Amino acid sequence: MVEARRRLNVRAAAPNGPIPATSTTTGPPSPPTADLTSIAFTVSWVPQMANLHVHWYEDHLGQRDVYHITNISMYLLARDGELQQFRNDIRNILEWGTYKQKSQAEKT
């Protein structure tokens, strides 16, 4: 989970650095921020190869809605260890999602 999360954080960084946090101070408008509740993962699959993608929504403070997708990893499943790495990454994402859902249920 840590490795998949690290990849997500690196890939989700905006061109000018990491995605900024929402500011509550007055002044110029805040830059766009990622809606962390909108994160979704998908897998595209062809024989012998799989790609893991992450999707997220970015709010531009009412100006426009922006949806992002980025490739986290490509797995050539015929290579030694890549099928196992793919399975580990998927398991980590599922564990992260389960933990996230459990945390939200405990808050309510």
PDB file of N, CA and C in Angstrom:
ATOM      1  N   MET A   1       0.816  -1.180   0.000  1.00  0.00           N
ATOM      2  CA  MET A   1       0.000   0.000   0.000  1.00  0.00           C
ATOM      3  C   MET A   1       0.866   1.253   0.000  1.00  0.00           C
ATOM      4  N   VAL A   2       1.922   1.221   0.750  1.00  0.00           N
ATOM      5  CA  VAL A   2       2.797   2.385   0.834  1.00  0.00           C
ATOM      6  C   VAL A   2       3.390   2.696  -0.535  1.00  0.00           C
ATOM      7  N   GLU A   3       3.823   1.668  -1.251  1.00  0.00           N
ATOM      8  CA  GLU A   3       4.439   1.881  -2.561  1.00  0.00           C
ATOM      9  C   GLU A   3       3.419   2.440  -3.556  1.00  0.00           C
ATOM     10  N   ALA A   4       2.210   1.881  -3.582  1.00  0.00           N
ATOM     11  CA  ALA A   4       1.177   2.381  -4.493  1.00  0.00           C
ATOM     12  C   ALA A   4       0.799   3.810  -4.135  1.00  0.00           C
ATOM     13  N   ARG A   5       0.715   4.114  -2.853  1.00  0.00           N
ATOM     14  CA  ARG A   5       0.387   5.468  -2.406  1.00  0.00           C
ATOM     15  C   ARG A   5       1.497   6.447  -2.794  1.00  0.00           C
ATOM     16  N   ARG A   6       2.768   6.008  -2.662  1.00  0.00           N
ATOM     17  CA  ARG A   6       3.891   6.848  -3.039  1.00  0.00           C
ATOM     18  C   ARG A   6       3.830   7.158  -4.531  1.00  0.00           C
ATOM     19  N   ARG A   7       3.542   6.137  -5.339  1.00  0.00           N
ATOM     20  CA  ARG A   7       3.432   6.357  -6.779  1.00  0.00           C
ATOM     21  C   ARG A   7       2.311   7.333  -7.095  1.00  0.00           C
ATOM     22  N   LEU A   8       1.171   7.181  -6.402  1.00  0.00           N
ATOM     23  CA  LEU A   8       0.051   8.080  -6.615  1.00  0.00           C
ATOM     24  C   LEU A   8       0.443   9.509  -6.283  1.00  0.00           C
ATOM     25  N   ASN A   9       1.096   9.721  -5.160  1.00  0.00           N
ATOM     26  CA  ASN A   9       1.486  11.065  -4.754  1.00  0.00           C
ATOM     27  C   ASN A   9       2.463  11.686  -5.738  1.00  0.00           C
ATOM     28  N   VAL A  10       3.383  10.882  -6.254  1.00  0.00           N
ATOM     29  CA  VAL A  10       4.364  11.398  -7.213  1.00  0.00           C
ATOM     30  C   VAL A  10       3.678  11.737  -8.529  1.00  0.00           C
ATOM     31  N   ARG A  11       2.816  10.829  -9.016  1.00  0.00           N
ATOM     32  CA  ARG A  11       2.173  11.045 -10.311  1.00  0.00           C
ATOM     33  C   ARG A  11       1.097  12.112 -10.264  1.00  0.00           C
ATOM     34  N   ALA A  12       0.454  12.287  -9.110  1.00  0.00           N
ATOM     35  CA  ALA A  12      -0.639  13.249  -9.009  1.00  0.00           C
ATOM     36  C   ALA A  12      -0.150  14.667  -8.804  1.00  0.00           C
ATOM     37  N   ALA A  13       1.153  14.830  -8.715  1.00  0.00           N
ATOM     38  CA  ALA A  13       1.698  16.176  -8.505  1.00  0.00           C
ATOM     39  C   ALA A  13       1.436  17.035  -9.736  1.00  0.00           C
ATOM     40  N   ALA A  14       1.070  18.253  -9.496  1.00  0.00           N
ATOM     41  CA  ALA A  14       0.828  19.203 -10.581  1.00  0.00           C
ATOM     42  C   ALA A  14       2.163  19.577 -11.221  1.00  0.00           C
ATOM     43  N   PRO A  15       2.164  20.130 -12.440  1.00  0.00           N
ATOM     44  CA  PRO A  15       3.420  20.482 -13.100  1.00  0.00           C
ATOM     45  C   PRO A  15       4.301  21.420 -12.277  1.00  0.00           C
ATOM     46  N   ASN A  16       3.691  22.259 -11.462  1.00  0.00           N
ATOM     47  CA  ASN A  16       4.465  23.215 -10.675  1.00  0.00           C
ATOM     48  C   ASN A  16       4.682  22.765  -9.240  1.00  0.00           C
ATOM     49  N   GLY A  17       4.533  21.496  -8.968  1.00  0.00           N
ATOM     50  CA  GLY A  17       4.735  20.986  -7.619  1.00  0.00           C
ATOM     51  C   GLY A  17       3.529  20.201  -7.150  1.00  0.00           C
ATOM     52  N   PRO A  18       3.512  19.841  -5.860  1.00  0.00           N
ATOM     53  CA  PRO A  18       2.399  19.060  -5.352  1.00  0.00           C
ATOM     54  C   PRO A  18       1.089  19.833  -5.386  1.00  0.00           C
ATOM     55  N   ILE A  19      -0.012  19.111  -5.355  1.00  0.00           N
ATOM     56  CA  ILE A  19      -1.327  19.727  -5.362  1.00  0.00           C
ATOM     57  C   ILE A  19      -1.494  20.484  -4.052  1.00  0.00           C
ATOM     58  N   PRO A  20      -1.783  21.778  -4.100  1.00  0.00           N
ATOM     59  CA  PRO A  20      -1.847  22.576  -2.874  1.00  0.00           C
ATOM     60  C   PRO A  20      -3.090  22.271  -2.058  1.00  0.00           C
ATOM     61  N   ALA A  21      -3.005  22.528  -0.776  1.00  0.00           N
ATOM     62  CA  ALA A  21      -4.154  22.393   0.114  1.00  0.00           C
ATOM     63  C   ALA A  21      -5.042  23.618  -0.030  1.00  0.00           C
ATOM     64  N   THR A  22      -6.310  23.455   0.331  1.00  0.00           N
ATOM     65  CA  THR A  22      -7.236  24.571   0.263  1.00  0.00           C
ATOM     66  C   THR A  22      -6.882  25.592   1.333  1.00  0.00           C
ATOM     67  N   SER A  23      -6.872  26.846   0.964  1.00  0.00           N
ATOM     68  CA  SER A  23      -6.523  27.910   1.895  1.00  0.00           C
ATOM     69  C   SER A  23      -7.794  28.598   2.379  1.00  0.00           C
ATOM     70  N   THR A  24      -7.846  28.956   3.664  1.00  0.00           N
ATOM     71  CA  THR A  24      -8.999  29.662   4.203  1.00  0.00           C
ATOM     72  C   THR A  24      -8.696  31.140   4.413  1.00  0.00           C
ATOM     73  N   THR A  25      -7.532  31.594   3.972  1.00  0.00           N
ATOM     74  CA  THR A  25      -7.177  32.996   4.145  1.00  0.00           C
ATOM     75  C   THR A  25      -7.786  33.826   3.029  1.00  0.00           C
ATOM     76  N   THR A  26      -7.920  35.118   3.289  1.00  0.00           N
ATOM     77  CA  THR A  26      -8.441  36.014   2.264  1.00  0.00           C
ATOM     78  C   THR A  26      -7.305  36.421   1.343  1.00  0.00           C
ATOM     79  N   GLY A  27      -7.646  36.929   0.195  1.00  0.00           N
ATOM     80  CA  GLY A  27      -6.648  37.334  -0.764  1.00  0.00           C
ATOM     81  C   GLY A  27      -6.977  36.773  -2.125  1.00  0.00           C
ATOM     82  N   PRO A  28      -5.962  36.571  -2.950  1.00  0.00           N
ATOM     83  CA  PRO A  28      -6.233  36.046  -4.284  1.00  0.00           C
ATOM     84  C   PRO A  28      -6.838  34.646  -4.198  1.00  0.00           C
ATOM     85  N   PRO A  29      -7.575  34.229  -5.229  1.00  0.00           N
ATOM     86  CA  PRO A  29      -8.209  32.914  -5.206  1.00  0.00           C
ATOM     87  C   PRO A  29      -7.179  31.806  -5.033  1.00  0.00           C
ATOM     88  N   SER A  30      -7.598  30.769  -4.348  1.00  0.00           N
ATOM     89  CA  SER A  30      -6.723  29.617  -4.141  1.00  0.00           C
ATOM     90  C   SER A  30      -6.545  28.866  -5.452  1.00  0.00           C
ATOM     91  N   PRO A  31      -5.397  28.250  -5.634  1.00  0.00           N
ATOM     92  CA  PRO A  31      -5.217  27.411  -6.820  1.00  0.00           C
ATOM     93  C   PRO A  31      -6.122  26.193  -6.725  1.00  0.00           C
ATOM     94  N   PRO A  32      -6.321  25.496  -7.843  1.00  0.00           N
ATOM     95  CA  PRO A  32      -7.193  24.325  -7.819  1.00  0.00           C
ATOM     96  C   PRO A  32      -6.685  23.284  -6.836  1.00  0.00           C
ATOM     97  N   THR A  33      -7.620  22.535  -6.263  1.00  0.00           N
ATOM     98  CA  THR A  33      -7.260  21.487  -5.321  1.00  0.00           C
ATOM     99  C   THR A  33      -7.901  20.177  -5.741  1.00  0.00           C
ATOM    100  N   ALA A  34      -7.215  19.102  -5.450  1.00  0.00           N
ATOM    101  CA  ALA A  34      -7.736  17.780  -5.769  1.00  0.00           C
ATOM    102  C   ALA A  34      -8.767  17.385  -4.728  1.00  0.00           C
ATOM    103  N   ASP A  35      -9.872  16.817  -5.183  1.00  0.00           N
ATOM    104  CA  ASP A  35     -10.885  16.280  -4.284  1.00  0.00           C
ATOM    105  C   ASP A  35     -10.479  14.844  -3.966  1.00  0.00           C
ATOM    106  N   LEU A  36      -9.906  14.651  -2.787  1.00  0.00           N
ATOM    107  CA  LEU A  36      -9.371  13.334  -2.436  1.00  0.00           C
ATOM    108  C   LEU A  36     -10.450  12.277  -2.269  1.00  0.00           C
ATOM    109  N   THR A  37     -11.710  12.681  -2.140  1.00  0.00           N
ATOM    110  CA  THR A  37     -12.782  11.692  -2.064  1.00  0.00           C
ATOM    111  C   THR A  37     -13.159  11.165  -3.444  1.00  0.00           C
ATOM    112  N   SER A  38     -12.609  11.760  -4.493  1.00  0.00           N
ATOM    113  CA  SER A  38     -12.961  11.344  -5.854  1.00  0.00           C
ATOM    114  C   SER A  38     -11.978  10.351  -6.456  1.00  0.00           C
ATOM    115  N   ILE A  39     -10.991   9.928  -5.713  1.00  0.00           N
ATOM    116  CA  ILE A  39      -9.964   9.022  -6.253  1.00  0.00           C
ATOM    117  C   ILE A  39     -10.580   7.688  -6.631  1.00  0.00           C
ATOM    118  N   ALA A  40     -10.253   7.229  -7.831  1.00  0.00           N
ATOM    119  CA  ALA A  40     -10.690   5.919  -8.313  1.00  0.00           C
ATOM    120  C   ALA A  40      -9.534   5.279  -9.068  1.00  0.00           C
ATOM    121  N   PHE A  41      -9.453   3.967  -9.014  1.00  0.00           N
ATOM    122  CA  PHE A  41      -8.409   3.223  -9.706  1.00  0.00           C
ATOM    123  C   PHE A  41      -9.049   2.338 -10.754  1.00  0.00           C
ATOM    124  N   THR A  42      -8.368   2.193 -11.898  1.00  0.00           N
ATOM    125  CA  THR A  42      -8.825   1.282 -12.945  1.00  0.00           C
ATOM    126  C   THR A  42      -7.630   0.504 -13.475  1.00  0.00           C
ATOM    127  N   VAL A  43      -7.948  -0.620 -14.110  1.00  0.00           N
ATOM    128  CA  VAL A  43      -6.930  -1.449 -14.748  1.00  0.00           C
ATOM    129  C   VAL A  43      -7.336  -1.647 -16.197  1.00  0.00           C
ATOM    130  N   SER A  44      -6.412  -1.405 -17.111  1.00  0.00           N
ATOM    131  CA  SER A  44      -6.625  -1.781 -18.509  1.00  0.00           C
ATOM    132  C   SER A  44      -5.764  -3.008 -18.757  1.00  0.00           C
ATOM    133  N   TRP A  45      -6.315  -3.949 -19.477  1.00  0.00           N
ATOM    134  CA  TRP A  45      -5.700  -5.272 -19.547  1.00  0.00           C
ATOM    135  C   TRP A  45      -5.725  -5.786 -20.976  1.00  0.00           C
ATOM    136  N   VAL A  46      -4.602  -6.242 -21.450  1.00  0.00           N
ATOM    137  CA  VAL A  46      -4.500  -6.999 -22.699  1.00  0.00           C
ATOM    138  C   VAL A  46      -3.656  -8.221 -22.368  1.00  0.00           C
ATOM    139  N   PRO A  47      -3.710  -9.272 -23.184  1.00  0.00           N
ATOM    140  CA  PRO A  47      -2.887 -10.443 -22.856  1.00  0.00           C
ATOM    141  C   PRO A  47      -1.423 -10.049 -22.653  1.00  0.00           C
ATOM    142  N   GLN A  48      -0.862 -10.511 -21.576  1.00  0.00           N
ATOM    143  CA  GLN A  48       0.539 -10.315 -21.217  1.00  0.00           C
ATOM    144  C   GLN A  48       0.893  -8.927 -20.690  1.00  0.00           C
ATOM    145  N   MET A  49      -0.090  -7.989 -20.586  1.00  0.00           N
ATOM    146  CA  MET A  49       0.238  -6.660 -20.088  1.00  0.00           C
ATOM    147  C   MET A  49      -0.963  -6.060 -19.356  1.00  0.00           C
ATOM    148  N   ALA A  50      -0.686  -5.360 -18.265  1.00  0.00           N
ATOM    149  CA  ALA A  50      -1.734  -4.656 -17.517  1.00  0.00           C
ATOM    150  C   ALA A  50      -1.229  -3.258 -17.176  1.00  0.00           C
ATOM    151  N   ASN A  51      -2.136  -2.303 -17.178  1.00  0.00           N
ATOM    152  CA  ASN A  51      -1.825  -0.925 -16.791  1.00  0.00           C
ATOM    153  C   ASN A  51      -2.742  -0.526 -15.640  1.00  0.00           C
ATOM    154  N   LEU A  52      -2.166   0.082 -14.625  1.00  0.00           N
ATOM    155  CA  LEU A  52      -2.920   0.556 -13.470  1.00  0.00           C
ATOM    156  C   LEU A  52      -3.017   2.071 -13.559  1.00  0.00           C
ATOM    157  N   HIS A  53      -4.253   2.591 -13.487  1.00  0.00           N
ATOM    158  CA  HIS A  53      -4.506   4.021 -13.630  1.00  0.00           C
ATOM    159  C   HIS A  53      -5.177   4.559 -12.378  1.00  0.00           C
ATOM    160  N   VAL A  54      -4.985   5.844 -12.107  1.00  0.00           N
ATOM    161  CA  VAL A  54      -5.708   6.541 -11.051  1.00  0.00           C
ATOM    162  C   VAL A  54      -6.429   7.725 -11.680  1.00  0.00           C
ATOM    163  N   HIS A  55      -7.654   7.971 -11.197  1.00  0.00           N
ATOM    164  CA  HIS A  55      -8.481   9.074 -11.669  1.00  0.00           C
ATOM    165  C   HIS A  55      -8.814   9.951 -10.471  1.00  0.00           C
ATOM    166  N   TRP A  56      -8.921  11.261 -10.683  1.00  0.00           N
ATOM    167  CA  TRP A  56      -9.374  12.155  -9.631  1.00  0.00           C
ATOM    168  C   TRP A  56      -9.970  13.410 -10.247  1.00  0.00           C
ATOM    169  N   TYR A  57     -10.753  14.089  -9.431  1.00  0.00           N
ATOM    170  CA  TYR A  57     -11.464  15.302  -9.811  1.00  0.00           C
ATOM    171  C   TYR A  57     -10.754  16.491  -9.186  1.00  0.00           C
ATOM    172  N   GLU A  58     -10.704  17.585  -9.921  1.00  0.00           N
ATOM    173  CA  GLU A  58     -10.093  18.806  -9.412  1.00  0.00           C
ATOM    174  C   GLU A  58     -11.088  19.953  -9.526  1.00  0.00           C
ATOM    175  N   ASP A  59     -11.285  20.660  -8.419  1.00  0.00           N
ATOM    176  CA  ASP A  59     -12.221  21.783  -8.375  1.00  0.00           C
ATOM    177  C   ASP A  59     -11.468  23.081  -8.640  1.00  0.00           C
ATOM    178  N   HIS A  60     -11.866  23.787  -9.660  1.00  0.00           N
ATOM    179  CA  HIS A  60     -11.255  25.075  -9.988  1.00  0.00           C
ATOM    180  C   HIS A  60     -12.121  26.211  -9.484  1.00  0.00           C
ATOM    181  N   LEU A  61     -12.613  26.054  -8.260  1.00  0.00           N
ATOM    182  CA  LEU A  61     -13.378  27.092  -7.553  1.00  0.00           C
ATOM    183  C   LEU A  61     -14.517  27.655  -8.402  1.00  0.00           C
ATOM    184  N   GLY A  62     -15.319  26.763  -8.943  1.00  0.00           N
ATOM    185  CA  GLY A  62     -16.500  27.175  -9.687  1.00  0.00           C
ATOM    186  C   GLY A  62     -16.255  27.576 -11.120  1.00  0.00           C
ATOM    187  N   GLN A  63     -15.018  27.671 -11.546  1.00  0.00           N
ATOM    188  CA  GLN A  63     -14.737  28.092 -12.923  1.00  0.00           C
ATOM    189  C   GLN A  63     -14.981  26.956 -13.915  1.00  0.00           C
ATOM    190  N   ARG A  64     -14.446  25.795 -13.597  1.00  0.00           N
ATOM    191  CA  ARG A  64     -14.653  24.630 -14.467  1.00  0.00           C
ATOM    192  C   ARG A  64     -14.289  23.371 -13.691  1.00  0.00           C
ATOM    193  N   ASP A  65     -14.794  22.251 -14.147  1.00  0.00           N
ATOM    194  CA  ASP A  65     -14.475  20.967 -13.530  1.00  0.00           C
ATOM    195  C   ASP A  65     -13.410  20.285 -14.371  1.00  0.00           C
ATOM    196  N   VAL A  66     -12.405  19.733 -13.703  1.00  0.00           N
ATOM    197  CA  VAL A  66     -11.327  19.059 -14.414  1.00  0.00           C
ATOM    198  C   VAL A  66     -11.193  17.646 -13.852  1.00  0.00           C
ATOM    199  N   TYR A  67     -11.202  16.682 -14.742  1.00  0.00           N
ATOM    200  CA  TYR A  67     -11.018  15.282 -14.361  1.00  0.00           C
ATOM    201  C   TYR A  67      -9.670  14.825 -14.891  1.00  0.00           C
ATOM    202  N   HIS A  68      -8.924  14.135 -14.064  1.00  0.00           N
ATOM    203  CA  HIS A  68      -7.587  13.686 -14.433  1.00  0.00           C
ATOM    204  C   HIS A  68      -7.508  12.166 -14.444  1.00  0.00           C
ATOM    205  N   ILE A  69      -6.628  11.649 -15.266  1.00  0.00           N
ATOM    206  CA  ILE A  69      -6.266  10.243 -15.266  1.00  0.00           C
ATOM    207  C   ILE A  69      -4.768  10.178 -15.501  1.00  0.00           C
ATOM    208  N   THR A  70      -4.120   9.294 -14.779  1.00  0.00           N
ATOM    209  CA  THR A  70      -2.695   9.089 -15.015  1.00  0.00           C
ATOM    210  C   THR A  70      -2.367   7.614 -14.836  1.00  0.00           C
ATOM    211  N   ASN A  71      -1.394   7.170 -15.576  1.00  0.00           N
ATOM    212  CA  ASN A  71      -0.938   5.789 -15.484  1.00  0.00           C
ATOM    213  C   ASN A  71       0.031   5.679 -14.303  1.00  0.00           C
ATOM    214  N   ILE A  72      -0.261   4.779 -13.389  1.00  0.00           N
ATOM    215  CA  ILE A  72       0.623   4.576 -12.245  1.00  0.00           C
ATOM    216  C   ILE A  72       1.726   3.590 -12.597  1.00  0.00           C
ATOM    217  N   SER A  73       1.333   2.471 -13.184  1.00  0.00           N
ATOM    218  CA  SER A  73       2.320   1.428 -13.496  1.00  0.00           C
ATOM    219  C   SER A  73       1.881   0.621 -14.701  1.00  0.00           C
ATOM    220  N   MET A  74       2.869   0.069 -15.392  1.00  0.00           N
ATOM    221  CA  MET A  74       2.644  -0.881 -16.466  1.00  0.00           C
ATOM    222  C   MET A  74       3.325  -2.183 -16.063  1.00  0.00           C
ATOM    223  N   TYR A  75       2.621  -3.282 -16.213  1.00  0.00           N
ATOM    224  CA  TYR A  75       3.141  -4.585 -15.811  1.00  0.00           C
ATOM    225  C   TYR A  75       3.213  -5.489 -17.028  1.00  0.00           C
ATOM    226  N   LEU A  76       4.403  -5.957 -17.358  1.00  0.00           N
ATOM    227  CA  LEU A  76       4.578  -6.967 -18.390  1.00  0.00           C
ATOM    228  C   LEU A  76       4.541  -8.303 -17.665  1.00  0.00           C
ATOM    229  N   LEU A  77       3.413  -8.972 -17.743  1.00  0.00           N
ATOM    230  CA  LEU A  77       3.128 -10.103 -16.875  1.00  0.00           C
ATOM    231  C   LEU A  77       3.986 -11.330 -17.162  1.00  0.00           C
ATOM    232  N   ALA A  78       4.656 -11.363 -18.302  1.00  0.00           N
ATOM    233  CA  ALA A  78       5.531 -12.484 -18.609  1.00  0.00           C
ATOM    234  C   ALA A  78       6.886 -12.362 -17.913  1.00  0.00           C
ATOM    235  N   ARG A  79       7.224 -11.163 -17.437  1.00  0.00           N
ATOM    236  CA  ARG A  79       8.495 -10.957 -16.738  1.00  0.00           C
ATOM    237  C   ARG A  79       8.421 -11.500 -15.325  1.00  0.00           C
ATOM    238  N   ASP A  80       9.552 -11.988 -14.864  1.00  0.00           N
ATOM    239  CA  ASP A  80       9.627 -12.525 -13.512  1.00  0.00           C
ATOM    240  C   ASP A  80       9.257 -11.466 -12.489  1.00  0.00           C
ATOM    241  N   GLY A  81       8.335 -11.805 -11.612  1.00  0.00           N
ATOM    242  CA  GLY A  81       7.981 -10.943 -10.501  1.00  0.00           C
ATOM    243  C   GLY A  81       6.946  -9.871 -10.795  1.00  0.00           C
ATOM    244  N   GLU A  82       6.664  -9.581 -12.062  1.00  0.00           N
ATOM    245  CA  GLU A  82       5.732  -8.494 -12.365  1.00  0.00           C
ATOM    246  C   GLU A  82       4.286  -8.874 -12.088  1.00  0.00           C
ATOM    247  N   LEU A  83       3.910 -10.132 -12.303  1.00  0.00           N
ATOM    248  CA  LEU A  83       2.559 -10.567 -11.963  1.00  0.00           C
ATOM    249  C   LEU A  83       2.352 -10.457 -10.456  1.00  0.00           C
ATOM    250  N   GLN A  84       3.344 -10.884  -9.677  1.00  0.00           N
ATOM    251  CA  GLN A  84       3.249 -10.781  -8.224  1.00  0.00           C
ATOM    252  C   GLN A  84       3.180  -9.315  -7.784  1.00  0.00           C
ATOM    253  N   GLN A  85       3.960  -8.444  -8.404  1.00  0.00           N
ATOM    254  CA  GLN A  85       3.918  -7.015  -8.071  1.00  0.00           C
ATOM    255  C   GLN A  85       2.549  -6.424  -8.394  1.00  0.00           C
ATOM    256  N   PHE A  86       1.982  -6.819  -9.536  1.00  0.00           N
ATOM    257  CA  PHE A  86       0.651  -6.369  -9.921  1.00  0.00           C
ATOM    258  C   PHE A  86      -0.386  -6.793  -8.882  1.00  0.00           C
ATOM    259  N   ARG A  87      -0.321  -8.056  -8.480  1.00  0.00           N
ATOM    260  CA  ARG A  87      -1.248  -8.566  -7.464  1.00  0.00           C
ATOM    261  C   ARG A  87      -1.073  -7.827  -6.141  1.00  0.00           C
ATOM    262  N   ASN A  88       0.157  -7.556  -5.750  1.00  0.00           N
ATOM    263  CA  ASN A  88       0.413  -6.829  -4.503  1.00  0.00           C
ATOM    264  C   ASN A  88      -0.148  -5.409  -4.569  1.00  0.00           C
ATOM    265  N   ASP A  89       0.056  -4.733  -5.692  1.00  0.00           N
ATOM    266  CA  ASP A  89      -0.443  -3.365  -5.832  1.00  0.00           C
ATOM    267  C   ASP A  89      -1.976  -3.325  -5.784  1.00  0.00           C
ATOM    268  N   ILE A  90      -2.638  -4.280  -6.453  1.00  0.00           N
ATOM    269  CA  ILE A  90      -4.099  -4.347  -6.422  1.00  0.00           C
ATOM    270  C   ILE A  90      -4.578  -4.632  -5.002  1.00  0.00           C
ATOM    271  N   ARG A  91      -3.932  -5.567  -4.314  1.00  0.00           N
ATOM    272  CA  ARG A  91      -4.302  -5.880  -2.925  1.00  0.00           C
ATOM    273  C   ARG A  91      -4.151  -4.642  -2.040  1.00  0.00           C
ATOM    274  N   ASN A  92      -3.065  -3.887  -2.223  1.00  0.00           N
ATOM    275  CA  ASN A  92      -2.852  -2.680  -1.426  1.00  0.00           C
ATOM    276  C   ASN A  92      -3.933  -1.632  -1.679  1.00  0.00           C
ATOM    277  N   ILE A  93      -4.340  -1.481  -2.923  1.00  0.00           N
ATOM    278  CA  ILE A  93      -5.413  -0.535  -3.245  1.00  0.00           C
ATOM    279  C   ILE A  93      -6.719  -0.974  -2.590  1.00  0.00           C
ATOM    280  N   LEU A  94      -7.016  -2.271  -2.653  1.00  0.00           N
ATOM    281  CA  LEU A  94      -8.234  -2.773  -2.023  1.00  0.00           C
ATOM    282  C   LEU A  94      -8.198  -2.589  -0.508  1.00  0.00           C
ATOM    283  N   GLU A  95      -7.052  -2.834   0.106  1.00  0.00           N
ATOM    284  CA  GLU A  95      -6.918  -2.617   1.552  1.00  0.00           C
ATOM    285  C   GLU A  95      -7.084  -1.141   1.890  1.00  0.00           C
ATOM    286  N   TRP A  96      -6.511  -0.256   1.086  1.00  0.00           N
ATOM    287  CA  TRP A  96      -6.653   1.177   1.309  1.00  0.00           C
ATOM    288  C   TRP A  96      -8.126   1.576   1.220  1.00  0.00           C
ATOM    289  N   GLY A  97      -8.831   1.085   0.199  1.00  0.00           N
ATOM    290  CA  GLY A  97     -10.246   1.400   0.046  1.00  0.00           C
ATOM    291  C   GLY A  97     -11.082   0.868   1.188  1.00  0.00           C
ATOM    292  N   THR A  98     -10.768  -0.339   1.650  1.00  0.00           N
ATOM    293  CA  THR A  98     -11.491  -0.919   2.778  1.00  0.00           C
ATOM    294  C   THR A  98     -11.254  -0.101   4.037  1.00  0.00           C
ATOM    295  N   TYR A  99     -10.025   0.311   4.283  1.00  0.00           N
ATOM    296  CA  TYR A  99      -9.696   1.131   5.444  1.00  0.00           C
ATOM    297  C   TYR A  99     -10.413   2.475   5.367  1.00  0.00           C
ATOM    298  N   LYS A 100     -10.425   3.059   4.170  1.00  0.00           N
ATOM    299  CA  LYS A 100     -11.074   4.352   3.969  1.00  0.00           C
ATOM    300  C   LYS A 100     -12.568   4.249   4.261  1.00  0.00           C
ATOM    301  N   GLN A 101     -13.235   3.193   3.747  1.00  0.00           N
ATOM    302  CA  GLN A 101     -14.655   3.007   3.987  1.00  0.00           C
ATOM    303  C   GLN A 101     -14.942   2.772   5.464  1.00  0.00           C
ATOM    304  N   LYS A 102     -14.100   1.984   6.118  1.00  0.00           N
ATOM    305  CA  LYS A 102     -14.282   1.698   7.539  1.00  0.00           C
ATOM    306  C   LYS A 102     -14.139   2.981   8.362  1.00  0.00           C
ATOM    307  N   SER A 103     -13.158   3.793   8.019  1.00  0.00           N
ATOM    308  CA  SER A 103     -12.951   5.057   8.735  1.00  0.00           C
ATOM    309  C   SER A 103     -14.149   5.985   8.576  1.00  0.00           C
ATOM    310  N   GLN A 104     -14.711   6.044   7.370  1.00  0.00           N
ATOM    311  CA  GLN A 104     -15.881   6.897   7.137  1.00  0.00           C
ATOM    312  C   GLN A 104     -17.094   6.361   7.885  1.00  0.00           C
ATOM    313  N   ALA A 105     -17.258   5.048   7.952  1.00  0.00           N
ATOM    314  CA  ALA A 105     -18.401   4.459   8.653  1.00  0.00           C
ATOM    315  C   ALA A 105     -18.297   4.713  10.156  1.00  0.00           C
ATOM    316  N   GLU A 106     -17.083   4.691  10.699  1.00  0.00           N
ATOM    317  CA  GLU A 106     -16.906   4.938  12.123  1.00  0.00           C
ATOM    318  C   GLU A 106     -17.200   6.390  12.486  1.00  0.00           C
ATOM    319  N   LYS A 107     -16.994   7.312  11.553  1.00  0.00           N
ATOM    320  CA  LYS A 107     -17.274   8.727  11.809  1.00  0.00           C
ATOM    321  C   LYS A 107     -18.770   9.004  11.892  1.00  0.00           C
ATOM    322  N   THR A 108     -19.571   8.204  11.176  1.00  0.00           N
ATOM    323  CA  THR A 108     -21.014   8.461  11.161  1.00  0.00           C
ATOM    324  C   THR A 108     -21.743   7.762  12.270  1.00  0.00           C
TER     325      THR A 108
END
